[in-house]
Amino acid sequence: MSIIRPISDLRNHADQISDICHRQAEPVFITKNGKGDLVVMSEALFNQQQALLTLYRKLEEAELSLIKHPEGISFKKVMKGLRQKIR
């Protein structure tokens, strides 16, 4: 369930919002004049979401590669590409 707090709570009760973010591992949605304005989350949750986005991008690249090369790519070709990226 979404946690929604007014922007005044961010100013007056930042420590409580921080505790909520860490304890529940959920973002807190901040409203301003009754409308959505900000999202506050713990650094751990942010890092987890960034890792998921990176994974999704890599999966998309793999799917596109499979579409381009349905017959596959040889091991040697893959290793050559990886070595070039490393250098």
Protein backbone atom coordinates (compact mmCIF):
# COMPACT_ATOMS: atom_id res chain seq x y z
CA MET A 1 0.00 0.00 0.00
CA SER A 2 1.37 3.43 -0.93
CA ILE A 3 2.56 5.72 1.80
CA ILE A 4 1.53 9.31 1.09
CA ARG A 5 2.54 12.27 3.24
CA PRO A 6 2.19 16.03 2.81
CA ILE A 7 5.29 18.09 2.08
CA SER A 8 5.05 19.71 5.52
CA ASP A 9 5.87 16.29 7.02
CA LEU A 10 9.07 16.24 5.02
CA ARG A 11 10.09 19.47 6.72
CA ASN A 12 8.67 18.77 10.18
CA HIS A 13 9.08 14.99 10.45
CA ALA A 14 11.97 14.04 8.18
CA ASP A 15 13.24 11.53 10.73
CA GLN A 16 9.88 9.71 10.73
CA ILE A 17 9.83 9.59 6.94
CA SER A 18 13.37 8.24 6.94
CA ASP A 19 12.38 5.54 9.43
CA ILE A 20 9.38 4.56 7.29
CA CYS A 21 11.57 4.31 4.17
CA HIS A 22 14.10 2.09 5.93
CA ARG A 23 11.71 -0.07 7.99
CA GLN A 24 9.19 -0.76 5.25
CA ALA A 25 11.63 -0.68 2.30
CA GLU A 26 9.01 1.30 0.39
CA PRO A 27 9.05 4.76 -1.13
CA VAL A 28 7.09 7.58 0.50
CA PHE A 29 5.08 9.76 -1.87
CA ILE A 30 5.11 13.45 -0.94
CA THR A 31 2.24 15.71 -1.94
CA LYS A 32 2.23 19.46 -2.42
CA ASN A 33 -1.12 21.26 -2.48
CA GLY A 34 -2.83 17.87 -2.68
CA LYS A 35 -0.96 16.70 -5.75
CA GLY A 36 1.98 14.32 -6.14
CA ASP A 37 5.32 16.15 -6.02
CA LEU A 38 8.19 13.97 -4.76
CA VAL A 39 9.12 10.40 -3.96
CA VAL A 40 11.47 9.69 -1.06
CA MET A 41 13.16 6.32 -0.64
CA SER A 42 16.09 4.78 1.17
CA GLU A 43 19.42 4.58 -0.59
CA ALA A 44 19.25 0.78 -0.41
CA LEU A 45 15.90 0.72 -2.23
CA PHE A 46 17.18 3.22 -4.80
CA ASN A 47 20.25 1.07 -5.47
CA GLN A 48 18.07 -2.04 -5.76
CA GLN A 49 15.83 -0.33 -8.31
CA GLN A 50 18.82 0.91 -10.29
CA ALA A 51 20.21 -2.64 -10.39
CA LEU A 52 16.85 -3.89 -11.70
CA LEU A 53 16.84 -1.22 -14.42
CA THR A 54 20.35 -2.25 -15.45
CA LEU A 55 19.25 -5.88 -15.58
CA TYR A 56 16.20 -5.00 -17.70
CA ARG A 57 18.39 -3.05 -20.13
CA LYS A 58 20.76 -6.01 -20.46
CA LEU A 59 17.85 -8.39 -21.02
CA GLU A 60 16.51 -6.07 -23.71
CA GLU A 61 19.93 -6.03 -25.40
CA ALA A 62 20.02 -9.83 -25.29
CA GLU A 63 16.55 -10.08 -26.83
CA LEU A 64 17.47 -7.63 -29.60
CA SER A 65 20.66 -9.56 -30.25
CA LEU A 66 18.67 -12.77 -30.53
CA ILE A 67 16.35 -11.11 -33.05
CA LYS A 68 19.34 -9.87 -35.11
CA HIS A 69 21.20 -13.18 -34.89
CA PRO A 70 18.63 -15.98 -34.50
CA GLU A 71 21.27 -18.53 -35.45
CA GLY A 72 23.39 -17.42 -32.49
CA ILE A 73 26.92 -16.09 -32.14
CA SER A 74 29.97 -18.27 -31.72
CA PHE A 75 31.77 -18.39 -28.39
CA LYS A 76 34.92 -16.97 -29.98
CA LYS A 77 33.01 -13.98 -31.35
CA VAL A 78 31.41 -13.29 -27.96
CA MET A 79 34.76 -13.48 -26.16
CA LYS A 80 36.39 -11.19 -28.72
CA GLY A 81 33.63 -8.62 -28.20
CA LEU A 82 33.95 -8.83 -24.42
CA ARG A 83 37.71 -8.39 -24.56
CA GLN A 84 37.30 -5.31 -26.74
CA LYS A 85 34.80 -3.81 -24.27
CA ILE A 86 37.16 -4.47 -21.35
CA ARG A 87 40.03 -2.71 -23.06
